[in-house]
Amino acid sequence: MEAKPRATGAVRPGGRTARTRAAVLAATQGELEACGYAGLTLEKVAERSGVHLATLYRRWRTVEGLVVDL
């Protein structure tokens, strides 16, 4: 039985990645409303979203990356 090859670049529509992204973007929006862009930090977004700071650095790298994704 041959294994079916996975499509390169295939994105799963749900799962942990989708939940993490949704939580981070919601936290980013909340922090923007509460503190404005000048007060927005990755640390505050991580705390509000319940996601580890390393995840934010790995996926978005900067505050600007979060805002652009939002």
PDB file of N, CA and C in Angstrom:
ATOM      1  N   MET A   1       0.841  -1.169   0.000  1.00  0.00           N
ATOM      2  CA  MET A   1       0.000   0.000   0.000  1.00  0.00           C
ATOM      3  C   MET A   1       0.888   1.234   0.000  1.00  0.00           C
ATOM      4  N   GLU A   2       0.715   2.120  -0.956  1.00  0.00           N
ATOM      5  CA  GLU A   2       1.514   3.339  -1.046  1.00  0.00           C
ATOM      6  C   GLU A   2       0.897   4.450  -0.212  1.00  0.00           C
ATOM      7  N   ALA A   3       1.775   5.197   0.421  1.00  0.00           N
ATOM      8  CA  ALA A   3       1.294   6.351   1.184  1.00  0.00           C
ATOM      9  C   ALA A   3       0.968   7.475   0.215  1.00  0.00           C
ATOM     10  N   LYS A   4      -0.131   8.120   0.459  1.00  0.00           N
ATOM     11  CA  LYS A   4      -0.556   9.237  -0.388  1.00  0.00           C
ATOM     12  C   LYS A   4       0.308  10.454  -0.073  1.00  0.00           C
ATOM     13  N   PRO A   5       0.964  11.042  -1.068  1.00  0.00           N
ATOM     14  CA  PRO A   5       1.816  12.208  -0.792  1.00  0.00           C
ATOM     15  C   PRO A   5       0.978  13.417  -0.384  1.00  0.00           C
ATOM     16  N   ARG A   6       1.531  14.183   0.559  1.00  0.00           N
ATOM     17  CA  ARG A   6       0.834  15.392   1.011  1.00  0.00           C
ATOM     18  C   ARG A   6       1.164  16.537   0.074  1.00  0.00           C
ATOM     19  N   ALA A   7       0.198  17.365  -0.125  1.00  0.00           N
ATOM     20  CA  ALA A   7       0.403  18.543  -0.972  1.00  0.00           C
ATOM     21  C   ALA A   7       1.352  19.509  -0.272  1.00  0.00           C
ATOM     22  N   THR A   8       2.323  20.007  -0.982  1.00  0.00           N
ATOM     23  CA  THR A   8       3.257  20.969  -0.425  1.00  0.00           C
ATOM     24  C   THR A   8       2.532  22.274  -0.144  1.00  0.00           C
ATOM     25  N   GLY A   9       2.747  22.789   1.053  1.00  0.00           N
ATOM     26  CA  GLY A   9       2.119  24.052   1.414  1.00  0.00           C
ATOM     27  C   GLY A   9       0.660  23.932   1.815  1.00  0.00           C
ATOM     28  N   ALA A  10       0.184  22.700   2.018  1.00  0.00           N
ATOM     29  CA  ALA A  10      -1.214  22.505   2.410  1.00  0.00           C
ATOM     30  C   ALA A  10      -1.437  23.092   3.799  1.00  0.00           C
ATOM     31  N   VAL A  11      -2.520  23.777   3.979  1.00  0.00           N
ATOM     32  CA  VAL A  11      -2.854  24.397   5.251  1.00  0.00           C
ATOM     33  C   VAL A  11      -4.066  23.702   5.828  1.00  0.00           C
ATOM     34  N   ARG A  12      -3.941  23.313   7.086  1.00  0.00           N
ATOM     35  CA  ARG A  12      -5.078  22.704   7.752  1.00  0.00           C
ATOM     36  C   ARG A  12      -6.061  23.792   8.184  1.00  0.00           C
ATOM     37  N   PRO A  13      -7.347  23.596   7.951  1.00  0.00           N
ATOM     38  CA  PRO A  13      -8.318  24.644   8.254  1.00  0.00           C
ATOM     39  C   PRO A  13      -8.607  24.824   9.739  1.00  0.00           C
ATOM     40  N   GLY A  14      -8.216  23.887  10.567  1.00  0.00           N
ATOM     41  CA  GLY A  14      -8.535  24.005  11.981  1.00  0.00           C
ATOM     42  C   GLY A  14      -7.402  23.461  12.812  1.00  0.00           C
ATOM     43  N   GLY A  15      -7.707  23.108  14.029  1.00  0.00           N
ATOM     44  CA  GLY A  15      -6.697  22.538  14.898  1.00  0.00           C
ATOM     45  C   GLY A  15      -6.023  23.575  15.756  1.00  0.00           C
ATOM     46  N   ARG A  16      -4.932  23.133  16.364  1.00  0.00           N
ATOM     47  CA  ARG A  16      -4.209  23.968  17.317  1.00  0.00           C
ATOM     48  C   ARG A  16      -3.687  25.250  16.680  1.00  0.00           C
ATOM     49  N   THR A  17      -3.177  25.165  15.471  1.00  0.00           N
ATOM     50  CA  THR A  17      -2.645  26.355  14.802  1.00  0.00           C
ATOM     51  C   THR A  17      -3.718  27.419  14.622  1.00  0.00           C
ATOM     52  N   ALA A  18      -4.897  27.015  14.186  1.00  0.00           N
ATOM     53  CA  ALA A  18      -5.992  27.965  13.991  1.00  0.00           C
ATOM     54  C   ALA A  18      -6.441  28.571  15.320  1.00  0.00           C
ATOM     55  N   ARG A  19      -6.496  27.754  16.367  1.00  0.00           N
ATOM     56  CA  ARG A  19      -6.895  28.271  17.685  1.00  0.00           C
ATOM     57  C   ARG A  19      -5.867  29.254  18.220  1.00  0.00           C
ATOM     58  N   THR A  20      -4.590  28.932  18.044  1.00  0.00           N
ATOM     59  CA  THR A  20      -3.524  29.823  18.501  1.00  0.00           C
ATOM     60  C   THR A  20      -3.578  31.152  17.766  1.00  0.00           C
ATOM     61  N   ARG A  21      -3.717  31.092  16.457  1.00  0.00           N
ATOM     62  CA  ARG A  21      -3.765  32.321  15.656  1.00  0.00           C
ATOM     63  C   ARG A  21      -4.957  33.179  16.061  1.00  0.00           C
ATOM     64  N   ALA A  22      -6.112  32.558  16.249  1.00  0.00           N
ATOM     65  CA  ALA A  22      -7.312  33.300  16.647  1.00  0.00           C
ATOM     66  C   ALA A  22      -7.125  33.962  18.011  1.00  0.00           C
ATOM     67  N   ALA A  23      -6.540  33.240  18.965  1.00  0.00           N
ATOM     68  CA  ALA A  23      -6.323  33.782  20.307  1.00  0.00           C
ATOM     69  C   ALA A  23      -5.339  34.955  20.265  1.00  0.00           C
ATOM     70  N   VAL A  24      -4.281  34.814  19.493  1.00  0.00           N
ATOM     71  CA  VAL A  24      -3.265  35.866  19.406  1.00  0.00           C
ATOM     72  C   VAL A  24      -3.826  37.112  18.721  1.00  0.00           C
ATOM     73  N   LEU A  25      -4.553  36.920  17.640  1.00  0.00           N
ATOM     74  CA  LEU A  25      -5.107  38.080  16.940  1.00  0.00           C
ATOM     75  C   LEU A  25      -6.171  38.788  17.776  1.00  0.00           C
ATOM     76  N   ALA A  26      -6.962  38.031  18.523  1.00  0.00           N
ATOM     77  CA  ALA A  26      -7.947  38.651  19.411  1.00  0.00           C
ATOM     78  C   ALA A  26      -7.237  39.428  20.523  1.00  0.00           C
ATOM     79  N   ALA A  27      -6.172  38.870  21.058  1.00  0.00           N
ATOM     80  CA  ALA A  27      -5.410  39.559  22.098  1.00  0.00           C
ATOM     81  C   ALA A  27      -4.732  40.806  21.545  1.00  0.00           C
ATOM     82  N   THR A  28      -4.245  40.723  20.323  1.00  0.00           N
ATOM     83  CA  THR A  28      -3.624  41.885  19.684  1.00  0.00           C
ATOM     84  C   THR A  28      -4.644  43.011  19.533  1.00  0.00           C
ATOM     85  N   GLN A  29      -5.825  42.669  19.079  1.00  0.00           N
ATOM     86  CA  GLN A  29      -6.890  43.667  18.931  1.00  0.00           C
ATOM     87  C   GLN A  29      -7.235  44.288  20.281  1.00  0.00           C
ATOM     88  N   GLY A  30      -7.360  43.457  21.288  1.00  0.00           N
ATOM     89  CA  GLY A  30      -7.669  43.948  22.631  1.00  0.00           C
ATOM     90  C   GLY A  30      -6.601  44.873  23.177  1.00  0.00           C
ATOM     91  N   GLU A  31      -5.348  44.511  22.979  1.00  0.00           N
ATOM     92  CA  GLU A  31      -4.249  45.360  23.447  1.00  0.00           C
ATOM     93  C   GLU A  31      -4.180  46.670  22.677  1.00  0.00           C
ATOM     94  N   LEU A  32      -4.454  46.630  21.385  1.00  0.00           N
ATOM     95  CA  LEU A  32      -4.476  47.864  20.600  1.00  0.00           C
ATOM     96  C   LEU A  32      -5.557  48.803  21.115  1.00  0.00           C
ATOM     97  N   GLU A  33      -6.721  48.256  21.424  1.00  0.00           N
ATOM     98  CA  GLU A  33      -7.814  49.077  21.941  1.00  0.00           C
ATOM     99  C   GLU A  33      -7.490  49.620  23.319  1.00  0.00           C
ATOM    100  N   ALA A  34      -6.821  48.816  24.153  1.00  0.00           N
ATOM    101  CA  ALA A  34      -6.529  49.225  25.522  1.00  0.00           C
ATOM    102  C   ALA A  34      -5.337  50.182  25.621  1.00  0.00           C
ATOM    103  N   CYS A  35      -4.276  49.912  24.855  1.00  0.00           N
ATOM    104  CA  CYS A  35      -3.017  50.652  25.027  1.00  0.00           C
ATOM    105  C   CYS A  35      -2.578  51.439  23.811  1.00  0.00           C
ATOM    106  N   GLY A  36      -3.193  51.185  22.665  1.00  0.00           N
ATOM    107  CA  GLY A  36      -2.755  51.829  21.440  1.00  0.00           C
ATOM    108  C   GLY A  36      -1.509  51.151  20.895  1.00  0.00           C
ATOM    109  N   TYR A  37      -1.113  51.563  19.702  1.00  0.00           N
ATOM    110  CA  TYR A  37       0.036  50.937  19.048  1.00  0.00           C
ATOM    111  C   TYR A  37       1.317  51.149  19.850  1.00  0.00           C
ATOM    112  N   ALA A  38       1.477  52.330  20.431  1.00  0.00           N
ATOM    113  CA  ALA A  38       2.696  52.637  21.179  1.00  0.00           C
ATOM    114  C   ALA A  38       2.865  51.731  22.399  1.00  0.00           C
ATOM    115  N   GLY A  39       1.767  51.265  22.976  1.00  0.00           N
ATOM    116  CA  GLY A  39       1.835  50.416  24.160  1.00  0.00           C
ATOM    117  C   GLY A  39       1.773  48.931  23.866  1.00  0.00           C
ATOM    118  N   LEU A  40       1.671  48.578  22.611  1.00  0.00           N
ATOM    119  CA  LEU A  40       1.544  47.173  22.217  1.00  0.00           C
ATOM    120  C   LEU A  40       2.897  46.479  22.305  1.00  0.00           C
ATOM    121  N   THR A  41       2.964  45.385  23.054  1.00  0.00           N
ATOM    122  CA  THR A  41       4.189  44.592  23.148  1.00  0.00           C
ATOM    123  C   THR A  41       3.853  43.123  22.960  1.00  0.00           C
ATOM    124  N   LEU A  42       4.843  42.363  22.529  1.00  0.00           N
ATOM    125  CA  LEU A  42       4.645  40.922  22.380  1.00  0.00           C
ATOM    126  C   LEU A  42       4.361  40.282  23.734  1.00  0.00           C
ATOM    127  N   GLU A  43       4.984  40.787  24.775  1.00  0.00           N
ATOM    128  CA  GLU A  43       4.777  40.241  26.115  1.00  0.00           C
ATOM    129  C   GLU A  43       3.322  40.379  26.564  1.00  0.00           C
ATOM    130  N   LYS A  44       2.729  41.562  26.321  1.00  0.00           N
ATOM    131  CA  LYS A  44       1.332  41.783  26.702  1.00  0.00           C
ATOM    132  C   LYS A  44       0.388  40.901  25.897  1.00  0.00           C
ATOM    133  N   VAL A  45       0.678  40.745  24.607  1.00  0.00           N
ATOM    134  CA  VAL A  45      -0.165  39.891  23.754  1.00  0.00           C
ATOM    135  C   VAL A  45      -0.055  38.442  24.207  1.00  0.00           C
ATOM    136  N   ALA A  46       1.143  37.996  24.536  1.00  0.00           N
ATOM    137  CA  ALA A  46       1.332  36.621  25.001  1.00  0.00           C
ATOM    138  C   ALA A  46       0.553  36.374  26.289  1.00  0.00           C
ATOM    139  N   GLU A  47       0.640  37.312  27.211  1.00  0.00           N
ATOM    140  CA  GLU A  47      -0.076  37.170  28.481  1.00  0.00           C
ATOM    141  C   GLU A  47      -1.590  37.142  28.274  1.00  0.00           C
ATOM    142  N   ARG A  48      -2.091  38.042  27.465  1.00  0.00           N
ATOM    143  CA  ARG A  48      -3.532  38.131  27.233  1.00  0.00           C
ATOM    144  C   ARG A  48      -4.070  36.918  26.480  1.00  0.00           C
ATOM    145  N   SER A  49      -3.287  36.394  25.537  1.00  0.00           N
ATOM    146  CA  SER A  49      -3.754  35.289  24.705  1.00  0.00           C
ATOM    147  C   SER A  49      -3.544  33.923  25.342  1.00  0.00           C
ATOM    148  N   GLY A  50      -2.639  33.847  26.325  1.00  0.00           N
ATOM    149  CA  GLY A  50      -2.334  32.553  26.932  1.00  0.00           C
ATOM    150  C   GLY A  50      -1.386  31.724  26.077  1.00  0.00           C
ATOM    151  N   VAL A  51      -0.716  32.367  25.144  1.00  0.00           N
ATOM    152  CA  VAL A  51       0.228  31.703  24.252  1.00  0.00           C
ATOM    153  C   VAL A  51       1.641  32.061  24.707  1.00  0.00           C
ATOM    154  N   HIS A  52       2.544  31.108  24.613  1.00  0.00           N
ATOM    155  CA  HIS A  52       3.914  31.354  25.046  1.00  0.00           C
ATOM    156  C   HIS A  52       4.578  32.400  24.158  1.00  0.00           C
ATOM    157  N   LEU A  53       5.401  33.223  24.765  1.00  0.00           N
ATOM    158  CA  LEU A  53       6.088  34.298  24.056  1.00  0.00           C
ATOM    159  C   LEU A  53       6.922  33.753  22.887  1.00  0.00           C
ATOM    160  N   ALA A  54       7.513  32.598  23.058  1.00  0.00           N
ATOM    161  CA  ALA A  54       8.323  32.008  21.980  1.00  0.00           C
ATOM    162  C   ALA A  54       7.492  31.747  20.728  1.00  0.00           C
ATOM    163  N   THR A  55       6.221  31.410  20.903  1.00  0.00           N
ATOM    164  CA  THR A  55       5.331  31.188  19.766  1.00  0.00           C
ATOM    165  C   THR A  55       5.149  32.482  18.971  1.00  0.00           C
ATOM    166  N   LEU A  56       5.003  33.580  19.674  1.00  0.00           N
ATOM    167  CA  LEU A  56       4.846  34.865  18.993  1.00  0.00           C
ATOM    168  C   LEU A  56       6.107  35.221  18.226  1.00  0.00           C
ATOM    169  N   TYR A  57       7.261  35.033  18.843  1.00  0.00           N
ATOM    170  CA  TYR A  57       8.520  35.332  18.152  1.00  0.00           C
ATOM    171  C   TYR A  57       8.704  34.435  16.932  1.00  0.00           C
ATOM    172  N   ARG A  58       8.333  33.168  17.048  1.00  0.00           N
ATOM    173  CA  ARG A  58       8.506  32.228  15.946  1.00  0.00           C
ATOM    174  C   ARG A  58       7.571  32.529  14.782  1.00  0.00           C
ATOM    175  N   ARG A  59       6.308  32.851  15.078  1.00  0.00           N
ATOM    176  CA  ARG A  59       5.316  33.024  14.007  1.00  0.00           C
ATOM    177  C   ARG A  59       5.198  34.446  13.480  1.00  0.00           C
ATOM    178  N   TRP A  60       5.314  35.427  14.364  1.00  0.00           N
ATOM    179  CA  TRP A  60       5.088  36.814  13.932  1.00  0.00           C
ATOM    180  C   TRP A  60       6.336  37.692  14.027  1.00  0.00           C
ATOM    181  N   ARG A  61       7.280  37.330  14.819  1.00  0.00           N
ATOM    182  CA  ARG A  61       8.581  37.988  14.991  1.00  0.00           C
ATOM    183  C   ARG A  61       8.534  39.364  15.662  1.00  0.00           C
ATOM    184  N   THR A  62       7.607  40.230  15.251  1.00  0.00           N
ATOM    185  CA  THR A  62       7.573  41.594  15.789  1.00  0.00           C
ATOM    186  C   THR A  62       6.129  42.037  16.011  1.00  0.00           C
ATOM    187  N   VAL A  63       5.994  43.168  16.697  1.00  0.00           N
ATOM    188  CA  VAL A  63       4.683  43.787  16.882  1.00  0.00           C
ATOM    189  C   VAL A  63       4.095  44.151  15.523  1.00  0.00           C
ATOM    190  N   GLU A  64       4.945  44.638  14.641  1.00  0.00           N
ATOM    191  CA  GLU A  64       4.490  45.009  13.301  1.00  0.00           C
ATOM    192  C   GLU A  64       3.908  43.785  12.569  1.00  0.00           C
ATOM    193  N   GLY A  65       4.534  42.643  12.742  1.00  0.00           N
ATOM    194  CA  GLY A  65       4.039  41.423  12.119  1.00  0.00           C
ATOM    195  C   GLY A  65       2.652  41.046  12.618  1.00  0.00           C
ATOM    196  N   LEU A  66       2.423  41.243  13.908  1.00  0.00           N
ATOM    197  CA  LEU A  66       1.089  40.984  14.472  1.00  0.00           C
ATOM    198  C   LEU A  66       0.044  41.908  13.880  1.00  0.00           C
ATOM    199  N   VAL A  67       0.386  43.181  13.821  1.00  0.00           N
ATOM    200  CA  VAL A  67      -0.575  44.177  13.314  1.00  0.00           C
ATOM    201  C   VAL A  67      -0.874  43.940  11.844  1.00  0.00           C
ATOM    202  N   VAL A  68       0.130  43.605  11.071  1.00  0.00           N
ATOM    203  CA  VAL A  68      -0.094  43.331   9.650  1.00  0.00           C
ATOM    204  C   VAL A  68      -1.002  42.116   9.494  1.00  0.00           C
ATOM    205  N   ASP A  69      -0.795  41.076  10.289  1.00  0.00           N
ATOM    206  CA  ASP A  69      -1.636  39.881  10.200  1.00  0.00           C
ATOM    207  C   ASP A  69      -3.063  40.177  10.650  1.00  0.00           C
ATOM    208  N   LEU A  70      -3.196  41.070  11.618  1.00  0.00           N
ATOM    209  CA  LEU A  70      -4.521  41.438  12.112  1.00  0.00           C
ATOM    210  C   LEU A  70      -5.306  42.145  11.028  1.00  0.00           C
TER     211      LEU A  70
END
